[in-house]
Every structure is written in C-alpha cells, then in structure tokens.
C-alpha cells in the first residue's frame, strides 16, 4: 500500500479496483506470462491506460489521436 496519494482509498473486488479505474489481468494458459491493463474509466475522449506484462515494463497508452 506504499505510495497511495488518496486519503481513505478503498479497494474493491473489481472490476473497478479503485474508483473510476478498471483492472484486467490475463494469465497465459501455460502459466508462464501475464498481461495487465489498468484503464481510466473517466477518460472518454482518449481512453488512457497503463499496461504491463511479465517483462516488467510499464507502458502508457491513449487513443491514436491523443497525446500522452
């Protein structure tokens, strides 16, 4: 829980792990990898999301016509 900036933050069972954020986890059938998508549900225009996989690199994304 280190690094949370919001006071009184409450986690839920999902799919919204934090208010207005959607978390999706896909585990590969062989158990050797995963993909995680954390999406801002309030960003209707650009669809901001953060993604990562077993490589550990965190990527940011938005719709193609929006700047990060």
Protein backbone atom coordinates (compact mmCIF):
# COMPACT_ATOMS: atom_id res chain seq x y z
CA UNK A 1 0.00 0.00 0.00
CA UNK A 2 3.02 2.29 -0.16
CA UNK A 3 2.67 5.34 -2.35
CA UNK A 4 -1.11 5.80 -2.31
CA UNK A 5 -1.82 9.51 -2.64
CA UNK A 6 -5.57 9.50 -1.96
CA UNK A 7 -6.72 9.55 1.63
CA UNK A 8 -9.34 6.97 2.61
CA UNK A 9 -8.79 4.92 -0.56
CA UNK A 10 -10.89 1.76 -0.61
CA UNK A 11 -10.12 -1.18 -2.86
CA UNK A 12 -12.97 -3.27 -4.22
CA UNK A 13 -13.33 -6.81 -5.50
CA UNK A 14 -13.48 -5.45 -9.06
CA UNK A 15 -13.71 -4.83 -11.87
CA UNK A 16 -13.06 -1.31 -10.51
CA UNK A 17 -10.11 -1.83 -8.16
CA UNK A 18 -10.12 1.91 -7.37
CA UNK A 19 -12.97 4.30 -8.07
CA UNK A 20 -13.08 5.08 -11.82
CA UNK A 21 -10.25 2.64 -12.68
CA UNK A 22 -10.73 -0.77 -14.32
CA UNK A 23 -8.15 -3.53 -13.84
CA UNK A 24 -7.87 -6.54 -16.15
CA UNK A 25 -5.41 -9.41 -15.64
CA UNK A 26 -4.91 -12.17 -18.21
CA UNK A 27 -2.69 -15.12 -17.29
CA UNK A 28 -1.30 -17.25 -20.13
CA UNK A 29 -2.61 -20.81 -20.29
CA UNK A 30 0.88 -22.21 -19.67
CA UNK A 31 1.26 -20.03 -16.55
CA UNK A 32 4.47 -18.51 -17.93
CA UNK A 33 3.23 -14.98 -18.54
CA UNK A 34 0.57 -12.39 -17.93
CA UNK A 35 -0.84 -9.12 -19.26
CA UNK A 36 -2.24 -6.36 -17.03
CA UNK A 37 -4.34 -3.43 -18.22
CA UNK A 38 -5.27 -0.55 -15.89
CA UNK A 39 -7.78 1.75 -17.59
CA UNK A 40 -9.05 5.20 -16.60
CA UNK A 41 -12.83 4.91 -16.94
CA UNK A 42 -13.28 8.71 -16.73
CA UNK A 43 -11.19 9.42 -19.87
CA UNK A 44 -13.93 9.13 -22.51
CA UNK A 45 -12.03 11.12 -25.13
CA UNK A 46 -8.60 9.45 -25.13
CA UNK A 47 -9.00 6.22 -23.14
CA UNK A 48 -5.81 6.47 -21.05
CA UNK A 49 -4.45 3.11 -19.92
CA UNK A 50 -1.29 1.63 -18.40
CA UNK A 51 -0.18 -1.85 -19.46
CA UNK A 52 2.47 -4.31 -18.35
CA UNK A 53 3.42 -7.94 -18.78
CA UNK A 54 5.95 -10.40 -17.40
CA UNK A 55 8.80 -8.26 -18.83
CA UNK A 56 8.07 -5.70 -16.10
CA UNK A 57 8.00 -2.74 -18.48
CA UNK A 58 5.05 -0.42 -17.80
CA UNK A 59 3.62 1.22 -20.89
CA UNK A 60 1.20 4.14 -21.22
CA UNK A 61 -1.37 4.40 -23.99
CA UNK A 62 -4.10 6.67 -25.30
CA UNK A 63 -6.18 6.75 -28.46
CA UNK A 64 -4.04 7.36 -31.53
CA UNK A 65 -5.18 10.99 -31.94
CA UNK A 66 -4.36 11.99 -28.32
CA UNK A 67 -1.05 12.99 -26.77
CA UNK A 68 0.22 11.18 -23.67
